[in-house]
């Protein structure tokens, strides 16, 4: 094979890769219906207590950041200390953070304990993938977050890691 043919094949492969990557980028579908999430009955595990079932709607405050995460998701693990800080600073104003684990308690709890996470965590395991698909994340990519008002209406969606500026902007925009 000539050098010119090798270069041409490499160029075609590079273009095909770029097109494939562009078409398969994770995107969320705009959603205003969080009903499948709000009605979900998920497991809650409190240290030293028996697991209980919790309906997501019952965990809502005035402004709610619902974050789907898993221990195997590096960006998820990196944003959780920020969530904890924001929760502790703003929970008295009605800001709630609710973690939805796409994981099981046995795998997640040691990680949560190491970070001293105090905001509520509910365990959806594989059911969480179905819920995410129904509320605008058809690819089930993580981290995935929704900002909900006190009635459970979707105010914002975010696929990917959230930073402090984003949370502060939401708190300001939605009156907290």
C-alpha atoms as a PDB file:
ATOM      1  CA  UNK A   1       0.000   0.000   0.000  1.00  0.00           C
ATOM      2  CA  UNK A   2       1.372   3.394  -0.953  1.00  0.00           C
ATOM      3  CA  UNK A   3       1.969   6.175   1.538  1.00  0.00           C
ATOM      4  CA  UNK A   4      -0.698   8.268  -0.178  1.00  0.00           C
ATOM      5  CA  UNK A   5      -3.273   5.477   0.284  1.00  0.00           C
ATOM      6  CA  UNK A   6      -2.308   5.106   3.955  1.00  0.00           C
ATOM      7  CA  UNK A   7      -2.740   8.831   4.524  1.00  0.00           C
ATOM      8  CA  UNK A   8      -6.122   8.810   2.737  1.00  0.00           C
ATOM      9  CA  UNK A   9      -7.349   5.834   4.786  1.00  0.00           C
ATOM     10  CA  UNK A  10      -6.180   7.464   8.001  1.00  0.00           C
ATOM     11  CA  UNK A  11      -7.996  10.665   7.075  1.00  0.00           C
ATOM     12  CA  UNK A  12     -11.219   8.781   6.280  1.00  0.00           C
ATOM     13  CA  UNK A  13     -10.963   6.876   9.587  1.00  0.00           C
ATOM     14  CA  UNK A  14     -10.420  10.118  11.509  1.00  0.00           C
ATOM     15  CA  UNK A  15     -13.424  11.780   9.856  1.00  0.00           C
ATOM     16  CA  UNK A  16     -15.599   8.708  10.536  1.00  0.00           C
ATOM     17  CA  UNK A  17     -14.542   8.729  14.177  1.00  0.00           C
ATOM     18  CA  UNK A  18     -15.362  12.443  14.493  1.00  0.00           C
ATOM     19  CA  UNK A  19     -18.796  12.015  12.913  1.00  0.00           C
ATOM     20  CA  UNK A  20     -19.536   9.019  15.143  1.00  0.00           C
ATOM     21  CA  UNK A  21     -18.471  10.868  18.262  1.00  0.00           C
ATOM     22  CA  UNK A  22     -20.595  13.889  17.336  1.00  0.00           C
ATOM     23  CA  UNK A  23     -23.671  11.752  16.720  1.00  0.00           C
ATOM     24  CA  UNK A  24     -23.287   9.749  19.926  1.00  0.00           C
ATOM     25  CA  UNK A  25     -22.607  12.588  22.359  1.00  0.00           C
ATOM     26  CA  UNK A  26     -24.768  12.379  25.411  1.00  0.00           C
ATOM     27  CA  UNK A  27     -27.727  14.692  25.249  1.00  0.00           C
ATOM     28  CA  UNK A  28     -30.809  15.144  27.339  1.00  0.00           C
ATOM     29  CA  UNK A  29     -34.242  15.541  25.910  1.00  0.00           C
ATOM     30  CA  UNK A  30     -36.047  18.584  27.279  1.00  0.00           C
ATOM     31  CA  UNK A  31     -38.430  17.323  29.902  1.00  0.00           C
ATOM     32  CA  UNK A  32     -41.051  18.997  32.000  1.00  0.00           C
ATOM     33  CA  UNK A  33     -42.577  15.792  33.311  1.00  0.00           C
ATOM     34  CA  UNK A  34     -40.862  14.330  36.341  1.00  0.00           C
ATOM     35  CA  UNK A  35     -43.884  12.169  37.246  1.00  0.00           C
ATOM     36  CA  UNK A  36     -42.028   8.834  36.866  1.00  0.00           C
ATOM     37  CA  UNK A  37     -39.355  10.113  39.246  1.00  0.00           C
ATOM     38  CA  UNK A  38     -41.753  11.720  41.714  1.00  0.00           C
ATOM     39  CA  UNK A  39     -43.892   8.604  42.058  1.00  0.00           C
ATOM     40  CA  UNK A  40     -40.940   6.202  42.326  1.00  0.00           C
ATOM     41  CA  UNK A  41     -40.768   4.298  45.584  1.00  0.00           C
ATOM     42  CA  UNK A  42     -37.082   3.762  46.294  1.00  0.00           C
ATOM     43  CA  UNK A  43     -35.088   2.225  49.105  1.00  0.00           C
ATOM     44  CA  UNK A  44     -33.647   4.457  51.800  1.00  0.00           C
ATOM     45  CA  UNK A  45     -30.990   3.101  54.133  1.00  0.00           C
ATOM     46  CA  UNK A  46     -30.229   4.944  57.342  1.00  0.00           C
ATOM     47  CA  UNK A  47     -27.150   3.822  59.309  1.00  0.00           C
ATOM     48  CA  UNK A  48     -28.150   1.335  62.013  1.00  0.00           C
ATOM     49  CA  UNK A  49     -31.746   1.023  60.801  1.00  0.00           C
ATOM     50  CA  UNK A  50     -33.686  -1.345  58.570  1.00  0.00           C
ATOM     51  CA  UNK A  51     -34.122  -0.198  54.947  1.00  0.00           C
ATOM     52  CA  UNK A  52     -37.383   1.607  54.259  1.00  0.00           C
ATOM     53  CA  UNK A  53     -39.257   2.629  51.133  1.00  0.00           C
ATOM     54  CA  UNK A  54     -39.487   6.306  50.320  1.00  0.00           C
ATOM     55  CA  UNK A  55     -41.558   7.985  47.596  1.00  0.00           C
ATOM     56  CA  UNK A  56     -39.387  10.627  45.936  1.00  0.00           C
ATOM     57  CA  UNK A  57     -42.154  13.265  46.057  1.00  0.00           C
ATOM     58  CA  UNK A  58     -42.134  13.023  49.862  1.00  0.00           C
ATOM     59  CA  UNK A  59     -38.496  14.189  49.972  1.00  0.00           C
ATOM     60  CA  UNK A  60     -39.013  17.511  48.176  1.00  0.00           C
ATOM     61  CA  UNK A  61     -38.232  20.875  49.708  1.00  0.00           C
ATOM     62  CA  UNK A  62     -38.687  24.357  48.248  1.00  0.00           C
ATOM     63  CA  UNK A  63     -35.951  23.928  45.598  1.00  0.00           C
ATOM     64  CA  UNK A  64     -34.561  20.471  44.861  1.00  0.00           C
ATOM     65  CA  UNK A  65     -31.470  19.203  43.119  1.00  0.00           C
ATOM     66  CA  UNK A  66     -32.044  15.536  42.275  1.00  0.00           C
ATOM     67  CA  UNK A  67     -28.789  13.880  41.251  1.00  0.00           C
ATOM     68  CA  UNK A  68     -28.472  10.419  39.685  1.00  0.00           C
ATOM     69  CA  UNK A  69     -25.050   8.956  40.483  1.00  0.00           C
ATOM     70  CA  UNK A  70     -23.067   5.747  40.984  1.00  0.00           C
ATOM     71  CA  UNK A  71     -19.862   4.851  42.786  1.00  0.00           C
ATOM     72  CA  UNK A  72     -18.227   3.791  39.509  1.00  0.00           C
ATOM     73  CA  UNK A  73     -18.860   7.251  37.965  1.00  0.00           C
ATOM     74  CA  UNK A  74     -15.799   9.467  38.544  1.00  0.00           C
ATOM     75  CA  UNK A  75     -17.542  12.812  37.821  1.00  0.00           C
ATOM     76  CA  UNK A  76     -20.332  11.750  40.215  1.00  0.00           C
ATOM     77  CA  UNK A  77     -17.850  11.108  43.002  1.00  0.00           C
ATOM     78  CA  UNK A  78     -16.113  14.440  42.378  1.00  0.00           C
ATOM     79  CA  UNK A  79     -19.264  16.580  42.616  1.00  0.00           C
ATOM     80  CA  UNK A  80     -20.638  15.001  45.795  1.00  0.00           C
ATOM     81  CA  UNK A  81     -18.456  16.971  48.262  1.00  0.00           C
ATOM     82  CA  UNK A  82     -19.697  20.178  46.599  1.00  0.00           C
ATOM     83  CA  UNK A  83     -23.298  18.970  46.903  1.00  0.00           C
ATOM     84  CA  UNK A  84     -22.740  18.282  50.592  1.00  0.00           C
ATOM     85  CA  UNK A  85     -21.334  21.773  51.138  1.00  0.00           C
ATOM     86  CA  UNK A  86     -24.179  23.433  49.232  1.00  0.00           C
ATOM     87  CA  UNK A  87     -26.752  21.326  51.085  1.00  0.00           C
ATOM     88  CA  UNK A  88     -25.367  22.263  54.502  1.00  0.00           C
ATOM     89  CA  UNK A  89     -25.167  25.960  53.576  1.00  0.00           C
ATOM     90  CA  UNK A  90     -28.631  26.290  52.041  1.00  0.00           C
ATOM     91  CA  UNK A  91     -30.891  23.573  53.504  1.00  0.00           C
ATOM     92  CA  UNK A  92     -32.323  25.995  56.081  1.00  0.00           C
ATOM     93  CA  UNK A  93     -33.611  28.122  53.180  1.00  0.00           C
ATOM     94  CA  UNK A  94     -35.428  25.119  51.674  1.00  0.00           C
ATOM     95  CA  UNK A  95     -32.741  23.800  49.312  1.00  0.00           C
ATOM     96  CA  UNK A  96     -32.761  20.027  49.169  1.00  0.00           C
ATOM     97  CA  UNK A  97     -30.336  17.713  47.456  1.00  0.00           C
ATOM     98  CA  UNK A  98     -31.510  14.183  46.837  1.00  0.00           C
ATOM     99  CA  UNK A  99     -29.066  11.587  45.564  1.00  0.00           C
ATOM    100  CA  UNK A 100     -30.492   8.719  43.508  1.00  0.00           C
ATOM    101  CA  UNK A 101     -27.947   5.897  43.490  1.00  0.00           C
ATOM    102  CA  UNK A 102     -27.733   3.650  40.454  1.00  0.00           C
ATOM    103  CA  UNK A 103     -25.951   1.311  42.780  1.00  0.00           C
ATOM    104  CA  UNK A 104     -26.689  -0.843  45.799  1.00  0.00           C
ATOM    105  CA  UNK A 105     -26.332   0.205  49.442  1.00  0.00           C
ATOM    106  CA  UNK A 106     -23.553  -2.293  50.154  1.00  0.00           C
ATOM    107  CA  UNK A 107     -21.326  -0.750  47.519  1.00  0.00           C
ATOM    108  CA  UNK A 108     -22.375   2.872  48.094  1.00  0.00           C
ATOM    109  CA  UNK A 109     -22.517   3.239  51.864  1.00  0.00           C
ATOM    110  CA  UNK A 110     -18.765   2.971  52.566  1.00  0.00           C
ATOM    111  CA  UNK A 111     -18.141   5.666  49.955  1.00  0.00           C
ATOM    112  CA  UNK A 112     -20.888   7.904  51.404  1.00  0.00           C
ATOM    113  CA  UNK A 113     -19.541   7.400  54.926  1.00  0.00           C
ATOM    114  CA  UNK A 114     -16.040   8.397  53.806  1.00  0.00           C
ATOM    115  CA  UNK A 115     -17.408  11.743  52.577  1.00  0.00           C
ATOM    116  CA  UNK A 116     -19.779  12.301  55.516  1.00  0.00           C
ATOM    117  CA  UNK A 117     -22.722  12.789  53.139  1.00  0.00           C
ATOM    118  CA  UNK A 118     -25.763  13.980  55.085  1.00  0.00           C
ATOM    119  CA  UNK A 119     -28.203  14.781  52.277  1.00  0.00           C
ATOM    120  CA  UNK A 120     -30.758  12.044  51.547  1.00  0.00           C
ATOM    121  CA  UNK A 121     -29.735   9.143  49.324  1.00  0.00           C
ATOM    122  CA  UNK A 122     -32.283   6.814  47.746  1.00  0.00           C
ATOM    123  CA  UNK A 123     -31.321   3.578  46.010  1.00  0.00           C
ATOM    124  CA  UNK A 124     -32.794   2.928  42.588  1.00  0.00           C
ATOM    125  CA  UNK A 125     -30.218   0.443  41.296  1.00  0.00           C
ATOM    126  CA  UNK A 126     -31.291  -0.592  37.749  1.00  0.00           C
ATOM    127  CA  UNK A 127     -34.742   0.977  38.126  1.00  0.00           C
ATOM    128  CA  UNK A 128     -32.924   4.296  38.036  1.00  0.00           C
ATOM    129  CA  UNK A 129     -31.919   3.702  34.423  1.00  0.00           C
ATOM    130  CA  UNK A 130     -35.584   3.323  33.455  1.00  0.00           C
ATOM    131  CA  UNK A 131     -36.542   6.438  35.402  1.00  0.00           C
ATOM    132  CA  UNK A 132     -33.784   8.465  33.739  1.00  0.00           C
ATOM    133  CA  UNK A 133     -34.944   7.319  30.301  1.00  0.00           C
ATOM    134  CA  UNK A 134     -38.509   8.393  31.115  1.00  0.00           C
ATOM    135  CA  UNK A 135     -37.491  11.857  32.320  1.00  0.00           C
ATOM    136  CA  UNK A 136     -35.142  12.948  29.561  1.00  0.00           C
ATOM    137  CA  UNK A 137     -31.888  10.967  29.730  1.00  0.00           C
ATOM    138  CA  UNK A 138     -32.475   8.153  27.206  1.00  0.00           C
ATOM    139  CA  UNK A 139     -28.828   7.061  27.168  1.00  0.00           C
ATOM    140  CA  UNK A 140     -28.670   6.704  30.953  1.00  0.00           C
ATOM    141  CA  UNK A 141     -25.463   8.716  31.224  1.00  0.00           C
ATOM    142  CA  UNK A 142     -24.186   9.916  34.586  1.00  0.00           C
ATOM    143  CA  UNK A 143     -24.104  12.191  36.382  1.00  0.00           C
ATOM    144  CA  UNK A 144     -27.579  13.432  35.531  1.00  0.00           C
ATOM    145  CA  UNK A 145     -29.381  16.067  37.582  1.00  0.00           C
ATOM    146  CA  UNK A 146     -32.731  17.772  37.649  1.00  0.00           C
ATOM    147  CA  UNK A 147     -33.647  20.955  39.448  1.00  0.00           C
ATOM    148  CA  UNK A 148     -37.244  20.739  40.669  1.00  0.00           C
ATOM    149  CA  UNK A 149     -39.525  23.214  42.385  1.00  0.00           C
ATOM    150  CA  UNK A 150     -41.588  22.266  45.437  1.00  0.00           C
ATOM    151  CA  UNK A 151     -44.371  20.863  43.214  1.00  0.00           C
ATOM    152  CA  UNK A 152     -41.907  18.642  41.341  1.00  0.00           C
ATOM    153  CA  UNK A 153     -41.870  20.701  38.143  1.00  0.00           C
ATOM    154  CA  UNK A 154     -38.627  20.466  36.166  1.00  0.00           C
ATOM    155  CA  UNK A 155     -36.856  23.819  36.186  1.00  0.00           C
ATOM    156  CA  UNK A 156     -33.462  22.715  34.821  1.00  0.00           C
ATOM    157  CA  UNK A 157     -31.693  19.582  33.582  1.00  0.00           C
ATOM    158  CA  UNK A 158     -27.982  18.895  33.525  1.00  0.00           C
ATOM    159  CA  UNK A 159     -26.097  15.977  32.037  1.00  0.00           C
ATOM    160  CA  UNK A 160     -22.559  15.959  33.391  1.00  0.00           C
ATOM    161  CA  UNK A 161     -20.764  17.373  36.377  1.00  0.00           C
ATOM    162  CA  UNK A 162     -22.218  20.430  38.096  1.00  0.00           C
ATOM    163  CA  UNK A 163     -19.961  23.118  39.515  1.00  0.00           C
ATOM    164  CA  UNK A 164     -20.465  25.617  42.334  1.00  0.00           C
ATOM    165  CA  UNK A 165     -21.171  28.503  39.939  1.00  0.00           C
ATOM    166  CA  UNK A 166     -24.076  26.569  38.416  1.00  0.00           C
ATOM    167  CA  UNK A 167     -25.643  25.786  41.788  1.00  0.00           C
ATOM    168  CA  UNK A 168     -25.252  29.385  42.998  1.00  0.00           C
ATOM    169  CA  UNK A 169     -26.779  30.666  39.748  1.00  0.00           C
ATOM    170  CA  UNK A 170     -29.791  28.356  40.225  1.00  0.00           C
ATOM    171  CA  UNK A 171     -30.201  29.397  43.859  1.00  0.00           C
ATOM    172  CA  UNK A 172     -30.132  33.036  42.791  1.00  0.00           C
ATOM    173  CA  UNK A 173     -32.389  32.549  39.756  1.00  0.00           C
ATOM    174  CA  UNK A 174     -35.034  30.632  41.702  1.00  0.00           C
ATOM    175  CA  UNK A 175     -35.058  32.856  44.755  1.00  0.00           C
ATOM    176  CA  UNK A 176     -33.039  31.148  47.474  1.00  0.00           C
END
